[in-house]
PDB file of N, CA and C in Angstrom:
ATOM      1  N   MET A   1       0.851  -1.180   0.052  1.00  0.00           N
ATOM      2  CA  MET A   1       0.012   0.055  -0.003  1.00  0.00           C
ATOM      3  C   MET A   1       0.894   1.244  -0.023  1.00  0.00           C
ATOM      4  N   ILE A   2       0.399   2.226  -0.681  1.00  0.00           N
ATOM      5  CA  ILE A   2       1.134   3.540  -0.762  1.00  0.00           C
ATOM      6  C   ILE A   2       0.749   4.299   0.512  1.00  0.00           C
ATOM      7  N   LYS A   3       1.726   4.871   1.210  1.00  0.00           N
ATOM      8  CA  LYS A   3       1.478   5.590   2.444  1.00  0.00           C
ATOM      9  C   LYS A   3       1.802   7.021   2.416  1.00  0.00           C
ATOM     10  N   THR A   4       2.288   7.567   1.290  1.00  0.00           N
ATOM     11  CA  THR A   4       2.611   8.965   1.196  1.00  0.00           C
ATOM     12  C   THR A   4       1.828   9.584   0.085  1.00  0.00           C
ATOM     13  N   GLY A   5       1.564  10.871   0.166  1.00  0.00           N
ATOM     14  CA  GLY A   5       0.862  11.564  -0.886  1.00  0.00           C
ATOM     15  C   GLY A   5      -0.590  11.264  -0.898  1.00  0.00           C
ATOM     16  N   ASN A   6      -1.351  11.925  -1.771  1.00  0.00           N
ATOM     17  CA  ASN A   6      -2.780  11.753  -1.822  1.00  0.00           C
ATOM     18  C   ASN A   6      -3.088  10.816  -3.034  1.00  0.00           C
ATOM     19  N   VAL A   7      -2.923   9.524  -2.760  1.00  0.00           N
ATOM     20  CA  VAL A   7      -3.174   8.540  -3.813  1.00  0.00           C
ATOM     21  C   VAL A   7      -4.623   8.548  -4.309  1.00  0.00           C
ATOM     22  N   ALA A   8      -5.558   8.858  -3.371  1.00  0.00           N
ATOM     23  CA  ALA A   8      -6.947   8.883  -3.777  1.00  0.00           C
ATOM     24  C   ALA A   8      -7.254   9.846  -4.904  1.00  0.00           C
ATOM     25  N   SER A   9      -6.477  10.821  -5.055  1.00  0.00           N
ATOM     26  CA  SER A   9      -6.753  11.858  -6.123  1.00  0.00           C
ATOM     27  C   SER A   9      -6.581  11.293  -7.540  1.00  0.00           C
ATOM     28  N   VAL A  10      -5.777  10.205  -7.694  1.00  0.00           N
ATOM     29  CA  VAL A  10      -5.589   9.605  -9.030  1.00  0.00           C
ATOM     30  C   VAL A  10      -6.407   8.368  -9.262  1.00  0.00           C
ATOM     31  N   LEU A  11      -6.948   7.826  -8.203  1.00  0.00           N
ATOM     32  CA  LEU A  11      -7.703   6.546  -8.374  1.00  0.00           C
ATOM     33  C   LEU A  11      -9.013   6.755  -9.098  1.00  0.00           C
ATOM     34  N   GLY A  12      -9.385   5.771  -9.794  1.00  0.00           N
ATOM     35  CA  GLY A  12     -10.735   5.762 -10.537  1.00  0.00           C
ATOM     36  C   GLY A  12     -10.666   5.635 -11.997  1.00  0.00           C
ATOM     37  N   ARG A  13     -11.774   5.701 -12.623  1.00  0.00           N
ATOM     38  CA  ARG A  13     -11.975   5.609 -14.089  1.00  0.00           C
ATOM     39  C   ARG A  13     -12.047   7.005 -14.616  1.00  0.00           C
ATOM     40  N   TRP A  14     -11.226   7.353 -15.569  1.00  0.00           N
ATOM     41  CA  TRP A  14     -11.133   8.665 -16.151  1.00  0.00           C
ATOM     42  C   TRP A  14     -11.378   8.595 -17.664  1.00  0.00           C
ATOM     43  N   LEU A  15     -12.253   9.526 -18.161  1.00  0.00           N
ATOM     44  CA  LEU A  15     -12.652   9.541 -19.566  1.00  0.00           C
ATOM     45  C   LEU A  15     -12.031  10.845 -20.244  1.00  0.00           C
ATOM     46  N   ASN A  16     -11.568  10.661 -21.451  1.00  0.00           N
ATOM     47  CA  ASN A  16     -10.983  11.747 -22.215  1.00  0.00           C
ATOM     48  C   ASN A  16     -11.979  12.813 -22.536  1.00  0.00           C
ATOM     49  N   THR A  17     -11.615  14.025 -22.375  1.00  0.00           N
ATOM     50  CA  THR A  17     -12.490  15.150 -22.738  1.00  0.00           C
ATOM     51  C   THR A  17     -12.573  15.316 -24.281  1.00  0.00           C
ATOM     52  N   ASN A  18     -11.631  14.805 -25.009  1.00  0.00           N
ATOM     53  CA  ASN A  18     -11.605  14.856 -26.447  1.00  0.00           C
ATOM     54  C   ASN A  18     -12.115  13.533 -27.018  1.00  0.00           C
ATOM     55  N   LEU A  19     -13.292  13.585 -27.580  1.00  0.00           N
ATOM     56  CA  LEU A  19     -13.858  12.334 -28.045  1.00  0.00           C
ATOM     57  C   LEU A  19     -13.138  11.891 -29.370  1.00  0.00           C
ATOM     58  N   ASN A  20     -12.411  12.742 -29.985  1.00  0.00           N
ATOM     59  CA  ASN A  20     -11.691  12.405 -31.200  1.00  0.00           C
ATOM     60  C   ASN A  20     -10.158  12.231 -30.968  1.00  0.00           C
ATOM     61  N   THR A  21      -9.841  11.807 -29.718  1.00  0.00           N
ATOM     62  CA  THR A  21      -8.442  11.631 -29.368  1.00  0.00           C
ATOM     63  C   THR A  21      -7.710  10.623 -30.267  1.00  0.00           C
ATOM     64  N   PRO A  22      -6.499  10.815 -30.616  1.00  0.00           N
ATOM     65  CA  PRO A  22      -5.729   9.847 -31.377  1.00  0.00           C
ATOM     66  C   PRO A  22      -5.024   8.847 -30.477  1.00  0.00           C
ATOM     67  N   THR A  23      -5.070   8.976 -29.151  1.00  0.00           N
ATOM     68  CA  THR A  23      -4.320   8.162 -28.268  1.00  0.00           C
ATOM     69  C   THR A  23      -5.179   7.396 -27.228  1.00  0.00           C
ATOM     70  N   ILE A  24      -5.591   7.959 -26.167  1.00  0.00           N
ATOM     71  CA  ILE A  24      -6.222   7.307 -25.062  1.00  0.00           C
ATOM     72  C   ILE A  24      -7.620   7.715 -24.885  1.00  0.00           C
ATOM     73  N   ALA A  25      -8.602   6.806 -24.897  1.00  0.00           N
ATOM     74  CA  ALA A  25     -10.021   7.160 -24.678  1.00  0.00           C
ATOM     75  C   ALA A  25     -10.316   7.157 -23.206  1.00  0.00           C
ATOM     76  N   GLU A  26      -9.776   6.233 -22.438  1.00  0.00           N
ATOM     77  CA  GLU A  26     -10.013   6.186 -21.003  1.00  0.00           C
ATOM     78  C   GLU A  26      -8.877   5.521 -20.306  1.00  0.00           C
ATOM     79  N   CYS A  27      -8.852   5.744 -18.957  1.00  0.00           N
ATOM     80  CA  CYS A  27      -7.784   5.253 -18.161  1.00  0.00           C
ATOM     81  C   CYS A  27      -8.335   4.892 -16.773  1.00  0.00           C
ATOM     82  N   THR A  28      -8.056   3.788 -16.268  1.00  0.00           N
ATOM     83  CA  THR A  28      -8.492   3.364 -14.934  1.00  0.00           C
ATOM     84  C   THR A  28      -7.252   3.150 -14.052  1.00  0.00           C
ATOM     85  N   VAL A  29      -7.223   3.859 -12.927  1.00  0.00           N
ATOM     86  CA  VAL A  29      -6.127   3.756 -11.960  1.00  0.00           C
ATOM     87  C   VAL A  29      -6.709   3.062 -10.704  1.00  0.00           C
ATOM     88  N   ALA A  30      -6.099   1.941 -10.316  1.00  0.00           N
ATOM     89  CA  ALA A  30      -6.611   1.211  -9.187  1.00  0.00           C
ATOM     90  C   ALA A  30      -5.429   0.881  -8.240  1.00  0.00           C
ATOM     91  N   GLN A  31      -5.818   0.571  -6.987  1.00  0.00           N
ATOM     92  CA  GLN A  31      -4.835   0.197  -5.967  1.00  0.00           C
ATOM     93  C   GLN A  31      -5.220  -1.169  -5.434  1.00  0.00           C
ATOM     94  N   ASP A  32      -4.202  -2.029  -5.339  1.00  0.00           N
ATOM     95  CA  ASP A  32      -4.358  -3.312  -4.712  1.00  0.00           C
ATOM     96  C   ASP A  32      -3.251  -3.496  -3.707  1.00  0.00           C
ATOM     97  N   LYS A  33      -3.145  -4.682  -3.088  1.00  0.00           N
ATOM     98  CA  LYS A  33      -2.122  -4.866  -1.995  1.00  0.00           C
ATOM     99  C   LYS A  33      -0.726  -4.682  -2.495  1.00  0.00           C
ATOM    100  N   ASP A  34      -0.520  -4.814  -3.803  1.00  0.00           N
ATOM    101  CA  ASP A  34       0.836  -4.654  -4.324  1.00  0.00           C
ATOM    102  C   ASP A  34       1.125  -3.266  -4.860  1.00  0.00           C
ATOM    103  N   GLY A  35       0.241  -2.379  -4.861  1.00  0.00           N
ATOM    104  CA  GLY A  35       0.436  -1.051  -5.316  1.00  0.00           C
ATOM    105  C   GLY A  35      -0.604  -0.509  -6.265  1.00  0.00           C
ATOM    106  N   ILE A  36      -0.189   0.230  -7.276  1.00  0.00           N
ATOM    107  CA  ILE A  36      -1.049   0.802  -8.204  1.00  0.00           C
ATOM    108  C   ILE A  36      -1.045   0.104  -9.605  1.00  0.00           C
ATOM    109  N   THR A  37      -2.180   0.039 -10.243  1.00  0.00           N
ATOM    110  CA  THR A  37      -2.247  -0.467 -11.597  1.00  0.00           C
ATOM    111  C   THR A  37      -2.871   0.595 -12.490  1.00  0.00           C
ATOM    112  N   VAL A  38      -2.454   0.570 -13.739  1.00  0.00           N
ATOM    113  CA  VAL A  38      -3.057   1.502 -14.723  1.00  0.00           C
ATOM    114  C   VAL A  38      -3.535   0.678 -15.951  1.00  0.00           C
ATOM    115  N   GLN A  39      -4.799   0.820 -16.233  1.00  0.00           N
ATOM    116  CA  GLN A  39      -5.396   0.167 -17.402  1.00  0.00           C
ATOM    117  C   GLN A  39      -5.852   1.293 -18.334  1.00  0.00           C
ATOM    118  N   VAL A  40      -5.316   1.216 -19.590  1.00  0.00           N
ATOM    119  CA  VAL A  40      -5.654   2.200 -20.622  1.00  0.00           C
ATOM    120  C   VAL A  40      -6.492   1.518 -21.695  1.00  0.00           C
ATOM    121  N   ILE A  41      -7.490   2.252 -22.152  1.00  0.00           N
ATOM    122  CA  ILE A  41      -8.224   1.854 -23.361  1.00  0.00           C
ATOM    123  C   ILE A  41      -7.868   2.865 -24.442  1.00  0.00           C
ATOM    124  N   GLY A  42      -7.302   2.351 -25.500  1.00  0.00           N
ATOM    125  CA  GLY A  42      -6.881   3.255 -26.580  1.00  0.00           C
ATOM    126  C   GLY A  42      -8.001   3.837 -27.369  1.00  0.00           C
ATOM    127  N   ALA A  43      -7.702   4.802 -28.243  1.00  0.00           N
ATOM    128  CA  ALA A  43      -8.686   5.458 -29.072  1.00  0.00           C
ATOM    129  C   ALA A  43      -9.391   4.453 -29.936  1.00  0.00           C
ATOM    130  N   ASP A  44      -8.733   3.336 -30.236  1.00  0.00           N
ATOM    131  CA  ASP A  44      -9.351   2.270 -31.093  1.00  0.00           C
ATOM    132  C   ASP A  44     -10.214   1.340 -30.201  1.00  0.00           C
ATOM    133  N   LYS A  45     -10.377   1.674 -28.927  1.00  0.00           N
ATOM    134  CA  LYS A  45     -11.168   0.876 -28.003  1.00  0.00           C
ATOM    135  C   LYS A  45     -10.522  -0.367 -27.577  1.00  0.00           C
ATOM    136  N   GLU A  46      -9.221  -0.589 -27.949  1.00  0.00           N
ATOM    137  CA  GLU A  46      -8.475  -1.773 -27.533  1.00  0.00           C
ATOM    138  C   GLU A  46      -7.774  -1.491 -26.259  1.00  0.00           C
ATOM    139  N   PRO A  47      -7.774  -2.471 -25.308  1.00  0.00           N
ATOM    140  CA  PRO A  47      -7.024  -2.256 -24.068  1.00  0.00           C
ATOM    141  C   PRO A  47      -5.493  -2.402 -24.270  1.00  0.00           C
ATOM    142  N   TRP A  48      -4.820  -1.565 -23.596  1.00  0.00           N
ATOM    143  CA  TRP A  48      -3.309  -1.664 -23.535  1.00  0.00           C
ATOM    144  C   TRP A  48      -2.964  -2.604 -22.462  1.00  0.00           C
ATOM    145  N   PRO A  49      -1.744  -3.093 -22.416  1.00  0.00           N
ATOM    146  CA  PRO A  49      -1.297  -3.962 -21.324  1.00  0.00           C
ATOM    147  C   PRO A  49      -1.434  -3.188 -19.985  1.00  0.00           C
ATOM    148  N   ILE A  50      -1.812  -3.930 -18.959  1.00  0.00           N
ATOM    149  CA  ILE A  50      -1.922  -3.295 -17.599  1.00  0.00           C
ATOM    150  C   ILE A  50      -0.507  -2.997 -17.111  1.00  0.00           C
ATOM    151  N   ALA A  51      -0.303  -1.823 -16.572  1.00  0.00           N
ATOM    152  CA  ALA A  51       0.984  -1.357 -16.146  1.00  0.00           C
ATOM    153  C   ALA A  51       1.018  -1.145 -14.620  1.00  0.00           C
ATOM    154  N   ARG A  52       2.155  -1.344 -14.045  1.00  0.00           N
ATOM    155  CA  ARG A  52       2.394  -0.998 -12.653  1.00  0.00           C
ATOM    156  C   ARG A  52       3.347   0.226 -12.720  1.00  0.00           C
ATOM    157  N   PRO A  53       2.748   1.435 -12.456  1.00  0.00           N
ATOM    158  CA  PRO A  53       3.584   2.623 -12.648  1.00  0.00           C
ATOM    159  C   PRO A  53       4.554   2.855 -11.528  1.00  0.00           C
ATOM    160  N   THR A  54       5.519   3.727 -11.836  1.00  0.00           N
ATOM    161  CA  THR A  54       6.423   4.282 -10.812  1.00  0.00           C
ATOM    162  C   THR A  54       5.618   5.469 -10.200  1.00  0.00           C
ATOM    163  N   ILE A  55       5.645   5.495  -8.889  1.00  0.00           N
ATOM    164  CA  ILE A  55       4.894   6.553  -8.171  1.00  0.00           C
ATOM    165  C   ILE A  55       5.847   7.613  -7.816  1.00  0.00           C
ATOM    166  N   LEU A  56       5.481   8.892  -8.187  1.00  0.00           N
ATOM    167  CA  LEU A  56       6.330  10.010  -7.941  1.00  0.00           C
ATOM    168  C   LEU A  56       5.610  11.016  -7.032  1.00  0.00           C
ATOM    169  N   ALA A  57       6.353  11.877  -6.348  1.00  0.00           N
ATOM    170  CA  ALA A  57       5.766  12.981  -5.639  1.00  0.00           C
ATOM    171  C   ALA A  57       5.422  14.071  -6.663  1.00  0.00           C
ATOM    172  N   ASN A  58       4.241  14.623  -6.518  1.00  0.00           N
ATOM    173  CA  ASN A  58       3.840  15.730  -7.391  1.00  0.00           C
ATOM    174  C   ASN A  58       4.219  17.027  -6.588  1.00  0.00           C
ATOM    175  N   LEU A  59       5.175  17.678  -7.089  1.00  0.00           N
ATOM    176  CA  LEU A  59       5.666  18.862  -6.326  1.00  0.00           C
ATOM    177  C   LEU A  59       4.724  20.045  -6.406  1.00  0.00           C
ATOM    178  N   GLU A  60       3.801  20.049  -7.341  1.00  0.00           N
ATOM    179  CA  GLU A  60       2.859  21.165  -7.398  1.00  0.00           C
ATOM    180  C   GLU A  60       1.649  20.731  -6.459  1.00  0.00           C
ATOM    181  N   GLU A  61       1.667  21.155  -5.276  1.00  0.00           N
ATOM    182  CA  GLU A  61       0.642  20.733  -4.327  1.00  0.00           C
ATOM    183  C   GLU A  61      -0.635  21.429  -4.678  1.00  0.00           C
ATOM    184  N   GLU A  62      -1.761  20.680  -4.595  1.00  0.00           N
ATOM    185  CA  GLU A  62      -3.042  21.201  -4.859  1.00  0.00           C
ATOM    186  C   GLU A  62      -3.830  21.382  -3.562  1.00  0.00           C
ATOM    187  N   ALA A  63      -4.284  22.584  -3.327  1.00  0.00           N
ATOM    188  CA  ALA A  63      -5.099  22.868  -2.136  1.00  0.00           C
ATOM    189  C   ALA A  63      -4.340  22.504  -0.892  1.00  0.00           C
ATOM    190  N   GLY A  64      -3.068  22.559  -0.868  1.00  0.00           N
ATOM    191  CA  GLY A  64      -2.279  22.267   0.364  1.00  0.00           C
ATOM    192  C   GLY A  64      -2.073  20.797   0.622  1.00  0.00           C
ATOM    193  N   GLN A  65      -2.599  19.898  -0.273  1.00  0.00           N
ATOM    194  CA  GLN A  65      -2.389  18.478  -0.088  1.00  0.00           C
ATOM    195  C   GLN A  65      -1.372  17.962  -1.018  1.00  0.00           C
ATOM    196  N   ARG A  66      -0.432  17.230  -0.481  1.00  0.00           N
ATOM    197  CA  ARG A  66       0.580  16.609  -1.323  1.00  0.00           C
ATOM    198  C   ARG A  66      -0.021  15.463  -2.120  1.00  0.00           C
ATOM    199  N   SER A  67       0.168  15.449  -3.372  1.00  0.00           N
ATOM    200  CA  SER A  67      -0.385  14.411  -4.228  1.00  0.00           C
ATOM    201  C   SER A  67       0.680  13.578  -4.856  1.00  0.00           C
ATOM    202  N   VAL A  68       0.269  12.655  -5.723  1.00  0.00           N
ATOM    203  CA  VAL A  68       1.216  11.789  -6.352  1.00  0.00           C
ATOM    204  C   VAL A  68       1.056  11.941  -7.931  1.00  0.00           C
ATOM    205  N   ALA A  69       2.104  11.635  -8.613  1.00  0.00           N
ATOM    206  CA  ALA A  69       2.055  11.549 -10.075  1.00  0.00           C
ATOM    207  C   ALA A  69       2.587  10.139 -10.407  1.00  0.00           C
ATOM    208  N   LEU A  70       2.180   9.650 -11.558  1.00  0.00           N
ATOM    209  CA  LEU A  70       2.482   8.335 -11.993  1.00  0.00           C
ATOM    210  C   LEU A  70       3.273   8.350 -13.292  1.00  0.00           C
ATOM    211  N   MET A  71       4.175   7.442 -13.430  1.00  0.00           N
ATOM    212  CA  MET A  71       4.919   7.257 -14.676  1.00  0.00           C
ATOM    213  C   MET A  71       4.801   5.817 -15.110  1.00  0.00           C
ATOM    214  N   ALA A  72       4.324   5.543 -16.356  1.00  0.00           N
ATOM    215  CA  ALA A  72       4.161   4.248 -16.794  1.00  0.00           C
ATOM    216  C   ALA A  72       4.559   4.071 -18.242  1.00  0.00           C
ATOM    217  N   LYS A  73       5.066   2.883 -18.578  1.00  0.00           N
ATOM    218  CA  LYS A  73       5.508   2.585 -20.005  1.00  0.00           C
ATOM    219  C   LYS A  73       4.608   1.499 -20.509  1.00  0.00           C
ATOM    220  N   PHE A  74       4.091   1.719 -21.755  1.00  0.00           N
ATOM    221  CA  PHE A  74       3.286   0.743 -22.376  1.00  0.00           C
ATOM    222  C   PHE A  74       3.925   0.356 -23.721  1.00  0.00           C
ATOM    223  N   ASP A  75       4.237  -0.924 -23.901  1.00  0.00           N
ATOM    224  CA  ASP A  75       4.810  -1.427 -25.112  1.00  0.00           C
ATOM    225  C   ASP A  75       3.673  -2.067 -25.925  1.00  0.00           C
ATOM    226  N   LEU A  76       3.283  -1.408 -27.050  1.00  0.00           N
ATOM    227  CA  LEU A  76       2.184  -1.857 -27.863  1.00  0.00           C
ATOM    228  C   LEU A  76       2.658  -2.596 -29.111  1.00  0.00           C
ATOM    229  N   GLY A  77       3.883  -2.951 -29.146  1.00  0.00           N
ATOM    230  CA  GLY A  77       4.402  -3.681 -30.261  1.00  0.00           C
ATOM    231  C   GLY A  77       5.070  -2.774 -31.286  1.00  0.00           C
ATOM    232  N   HIS A  78       4.219  -2.018 -32.017  1.00  0.00           N
ATOM    233  CA  HIS A  78       4.717  -1.087 -33.043  1.00  0.00           C
ATOM    234  C   HIS A  78       5.086   0.255 -32.479  1.00  0.00           C
ATOM    235  N   ILE A  79       4.657   0.496 -31.253  1.00  0.00           N
ATOM    236  CA  ILE A  79       4.902   1.790 -30.586  1.00  0.00           C
ATOM    237  C   ILE A  79       5.156   1.637 -29.107  1.00  0.00           C
ATOM    238  N   VAL A  80       5.943   2.424 -28.504  1.00  0.00           N
ATOM    239  CA  VAL A  80       6.103   2.448 -27.088  1.00  0.00           C
ATOM    240  C   VAL A  80       5.566   3.821 -26.601  1.00  0.00           C
ATOM    241  N   ALA A  81       4.722   3.780 -25.614  1.00  0.00           N
ATOM    242  CA  ALA A  81       4.073   4.965 -25.036  1.00  0.00           C
ATOM    243  C   ALA A  81       4.594   5.176 -23.596  1.00  0.00           C
ATOM    244  N   ASP A  82       5.398   6.217 -23.443  1.00  0.00           N
ATOM    245  CA  ASP A  82       5.864   6.565 -22.122  1.00  0.00           C
ATOM    246  C   ASP A  82       4.880   7.678 -21.602  1.00  0.00           C
ATOM    247  N   THR A  83       4.332   7.404 -20.409  1.00  0.00           N
ATOM    248  CA  THR A  83       3.281   8.285 -19.901  1.00  0.00           C
ATOM    249  C   THR A  83       3.622   8.864 -18.565  1.00  0.00           C
ATOM    250  N   HIS A  84       3.196  10.037 -18.332  1.00  0.00           N
ATOM    251  CA  HIS A  84       3.240  10.716 -17.011  1.00  0.00           C
ATOM    252  C   HIS A  84       1.841  11.195 -16.700  1.00  0.00           C
ATOM    253  N   MET A  85       1.383  10.914 -15.514  1.00  0.00           N
ATOM    254  CA  MET A  85      -0.054  11.179 -15.160  1.00  0.00           C
ATOM    255  C   MET A  85      -0.105  11.889 -13.817  1.00  0.00           C
ATOM    256  N   ARG A  86      -1.062  12.843 -13.711  1.00  0.00           N
ATOM    257  CA  ARG A  86      -1.300  13.508 -12.440  1.00  0.00           C
ATOM    258  C   ARG A  86      -2.653  14.198 -12.520  1.00  0.00           C
ATOM    259  N   VAL A  87      -3.113  14.618 -11.340  1.00  0.00           N
ATOM    260  CA  VAL A  87      -4.359  15.415 -11.246  1.00  0.00           C
ATOM    261  C   VAL A  87      -3.947  16.852 -11.000  1.00  0.00           C
ATOM    262  N   ASN A  88      -4.609  17.709 -11.775  1.00  0.00           N
ATOM    263  CA  ASN A  88      -4.345  19.163 -11.657  1.00  0.00           C
ATOM    264  C   ASN A  88      -5.692  19.812 -11.532  1.00  0.00           C
ATOM    265  N   LYS A  89      -6.039  20.368 -10.449  1.00  0.00           N
ATOM    266  CA  LYS A  89      -7.338  21.072 -10.213  1.00  0.00           C
ATOM    267  C   LYS A  89      -8.537  20.192 -10.619  1.00  0.00           C
ATOM    268  N   GLY A  90      -8.432  18.913 -10.226  1.00  0.00           N
ATOM    269  CA  GLY A  90      -9.557  17.966 -10.514  1.00  0.00           C
ATOM    270  C   GLY A  90      -9.518  17.319 -11.880  1.00  0.00           C
ATOM    271  N   VAL A  91      -8.610  17.754 -12.735  1.00  0.00           N
ATOM    272  CA  VAL A  91      -8.456  17.203 -14.040  1.00  0.00           C
ATOM    273  C   VAL A  91      -7.337  16.220 -14.092  1.00  0.00           C
ATOM    274  N   PHE A  92      -7.557  15.033 -14.585  1.00  0.00           N
ATOM    275  CA  PHE A  92      -6.510  13.994 -14.748  1.00  0.00           C
ATOM    276  C   PHE A  92      -5.778  14.347 -16.055  1.00  0.00           C
ATOM    277  N   VAL A  93      -4.528  14.539 -15.984  1.00  0.00           N
ATOM    278  CA  VAL A  93      -3.736  14.849 -17.160  1.00  0.00           C
ATOM    279  C   VAL A  93      -2.731  13.723 -17.453  1.00  0.00           C
ATOM    280  N   ILE A  94      -2.711  13.284 -18.692  1.00  0.00           N
ATOM    281  CA  ILE A  94      -1.749  12.300 -19.172  1.00  0.00           C
ATOM    282  C   ILE A  94      -0.939  12.894 -20.284  1.00  0.00           C
ATOM    283  N   VAL A  95       0.412  12.903 -20.104  1.00  0.00           N
ATOM    284  CA  VAL A  95       1.294  13.282 -21.140  1.00  0.00           C
ATOM    285  C   VAL A  95       1.862  12.001 -21.738  1.00  0.00           C
ATOM    286  N   VAL A  96       1.731  11.806 -23.024  1.00  0.00           N
ATOM    287  CA  VAL A  96       2.159  10.622 -23.753  1.00  0.00           C
ATOM    288  C   VAL A  96       3.286  10.967 -24.729  1.00  0.00           C
ATOM    289  N   TYR A  97       4.458  10.323 -24.497  1.00  0.00           N
ATOM    290  CA  TYR A  97       5.491  10.432 -25.529  1.00  0.00           C
ATOM    291  C   TYR A  97       5.541   9.133 -26.307  1.00  0.00           C
ATOM    292  N   ALA A  98       5.152   9.199 -27.574  1.00  0.00           N
ATOM    293  CA  ALA A  98       5.096   7.994 -28.379  1.00  0.00           C
ATOM    294  C   ALA A  98       6.305   7.826 -29.248  1.00  0.00           C
ATOM    295  N   THR A  99       6.938   6.649 -29.143  1.00  0.00           N
ATOM    296  CA  THR A  99       8.105   6.321 -29.992  1.00  0.00           C
ATOM    297  C   THR A  99       7.762   5.138 -30.883  1.00  0.00           C
ATOM    298  N   PHE A 100       7.852   5.393 -32.197  1.00  0.00           N
ATOM    299  CA  PHE A 100       7.548   4.328 -33.140  1.00  0.00           C
ATOM    300  C   PHE A 100       8.785   3.396 -33.288  1.00  0.00           C
ATOM    301  N   LYS A 101       8.531   2.126 -33.228  1.00  0.00           N
ATOM    302  CA  LYS A 101       9.610   1.163 -33.395  1.00  0.00           C
ATOM    303  C   LYS A 101       9.310   0.138 -34.508  1.00  0.00           C
ATOM    304  N   ASP A 102       8.422   0.511 -35.416  1.00  0.00           N
ATOM    305  CA  ASP A 102       8.040  -0.414 -36.459  1.00  0.00           C
ATOM    306  C   ASP A 102       8.781  -0.207 -37.802  1.00  0.00           C
ATOM    307  N   GLY A 103       9.730   0.761 -37.845  1.00  0.00           N
ATOM    308  CA  GLY A 103      10.438   1.075 -39.046  1.00  0.00           C
ATOM    309  C   GLY A 103       9.662   1.788 -40.056  1.00  0.00           C
ATOM    310  N   SER A 104       8.573   2.357 -39.701  1.00  0.00           N
ATOM    311  CA  SER A 104       7.666   3.117 -40.673  1.00  0.00           C
ATOM    312  C   SER A 104       8.182   4.482 -41.084  1.00  0.00           C
ATOM    313  N   GLY A 105       9.163   4.957 -40.326  1.00  0.00           N
ATOM    314  CA  GLY A 105       9.680   6.311 -40.530  1.00  0.00           C
ATOM    315  C   GLY A 105       8.807   7.443 -40.003  1.00  0.00           C
ATOM    316  N   ARG A 106       7.703   7.090 -39.280  1.00  0.00           N
ATOM    317  CA  ARG A 106       6.935   8.102 -38.690  1.00  0.00           C
ATOM    318  C   ARG A 106       7.676   8.823 -37.583  1.00  0.00           C
ATOM    319  N   SER A 107       7.368  10.093 -37.382  1.00  0.00           N
ATOM    320  CA  SER A 107       8.020  10.863 -36.342  1.00  0.00           C
ATOM    321  C   SER A 107       7.444  10.526 -34.987  1.00  0.00           C
ATOM    322  N   ASN A 108       8.316  10.413 -33.962  1.00  0.00           N
ATOM    323  CA  ASN A 108       7.848  10.257 -32.638  1.00  0.00           C
ATOM    324  C   ASN A 108       7.154  11.579 -32.277  1.00  0.00           C
ATOM    325  N   HIS A 109       6.213  11.484 -31.308  1.00  0.00           N
ATOM    326  CA  HIS A 109       5.450  12.684 -30.945  1.00  0.00           C
ATOM    327  C   HIS A 109       4.985  12.657 -29.499  1.00  0.00           C
ATOM    328  N   LEU A 110       4.535  13.846 -29.051  1.00  0.00           N
ATOM    329  CA  LEU A 110       4.130  14.087 -27.718  1.00  0.00           C
ATOM    330  C   LEU A 110       2.645  14.525 -27.768  1.00  0.00           C
ATOM    331  N   TYR A 111       1.837  13.956 -26.904  1.00  0.00           N
ATOM    332  CA  TYR A 111       0.453  14.380 -26.729  1.00  0.00           C
ATOM    333  C   TYR A 111       0.190  14.669 -25.184  1.00  0.00           C
ATOM    334  N   ARG A 112      -0.665  15.632 -24.987  1.00  0.00           N
ATOM    335  CA  ARG A 112      -1.167  15.856 -23.667  1.00  0.00           C
ATOM    336  C   ARG A 112      -2.693  15.731 -23.700  1.00  0.00           C
ATOM    337  N   GLU A 113      -3.219  14.823 -22.902  1.00  0.00           N
ATOM    338  CA  GLU A 113      -4.641  14.594 -22.908  1.00  0.00           C
ATOM    339  C   GLU A 113      -5.235  14.931 -21.537  1.00  0.00           C
ATOM    340  N   PHE A 114      -6.537  15.336 -21.529  1.00  0.00           N
ATOM    341  CA  PHE A 114      -7.210  15.730 -20.315  1.00  0.00           C
ATOM    342  C   PHE A 114      -8.414  14.834 -20.094  1.00  0.00           C
ATOM    343  N   PHE A 115      -8.620  14.407 -18.796  1.00  0.00           N
ATOM    344  CA  PHE A 115      -9.647  13.463 -18.511  1.00  0.00           C
ATOM    345  C   PHE A 115     -10.529  13.990 -17.336  1.00  0.00           C
ATOM    346  N   TYR A 116     -11.778  13.524 -17.292  1.00  0.00           N
ATOM    347  CA  TYR A 116     -12.676  13.857 -16.223  1.00  0.00           C
ATOM    348  C   TYR A 116     -13.089  12.492 -15.598  1.00  0.00           C
ATOM    349  N   PRO A 117     -13.524  12.490 -14.353  1.00  0.00           N
ATOM    350  CA  PRO A 117     -13.916  11.282 -13.609  1.00  0.00           C
ATOM    351  C   PRO A 117     -15.214  10.754 -14.239  1.00  0.00           C
ATOM    352  N   SER A 118     -15.352   9.442 -14.364  1.00  0.00           N
ATOM    353  CA  SER A 118     -16.522   8.810 -15.015  1.00  0.00           C
ATOM    354  C   SER A 118     -17.756   8.828 -14.059  1.00  0.00           C
ATOM    355  N   GLU A 119     -17.498   9.036 -12.786  1.00  0.00           N
ATOM    356  CA  GLU A 119     -18.600   9.031 -11.821  1.00  0.00           C
ATOM    357  C   GLU A 119     -18.855  10.384 -11.209  1.00  0.00           C
TER     358      GLU A 119
END
């Protein structure tokens, strides 16, 4: 179990504010006895592999409460998505750095996506 920071702020099912996103449609962050898990559903509605993120201190404290940020890597075969996640003023923000490894010649790119709680 995580004992520092405000883990509760990142837990839950989060839906992308952009219905036409090219990357992540939704993200579920859960906690179990071994720590945190992140399950992403891509824009194509396909689930990504479940990740166990690295938990970081979020140095931008919100409302005087120390919170956490998450860093997770997803290997989707043709692409690797390095992600950084945190809550800012009630909005779940995921920054995705996508690296293509399929030899297609496509440029690597960075996305920042914004999510709201599903409930």
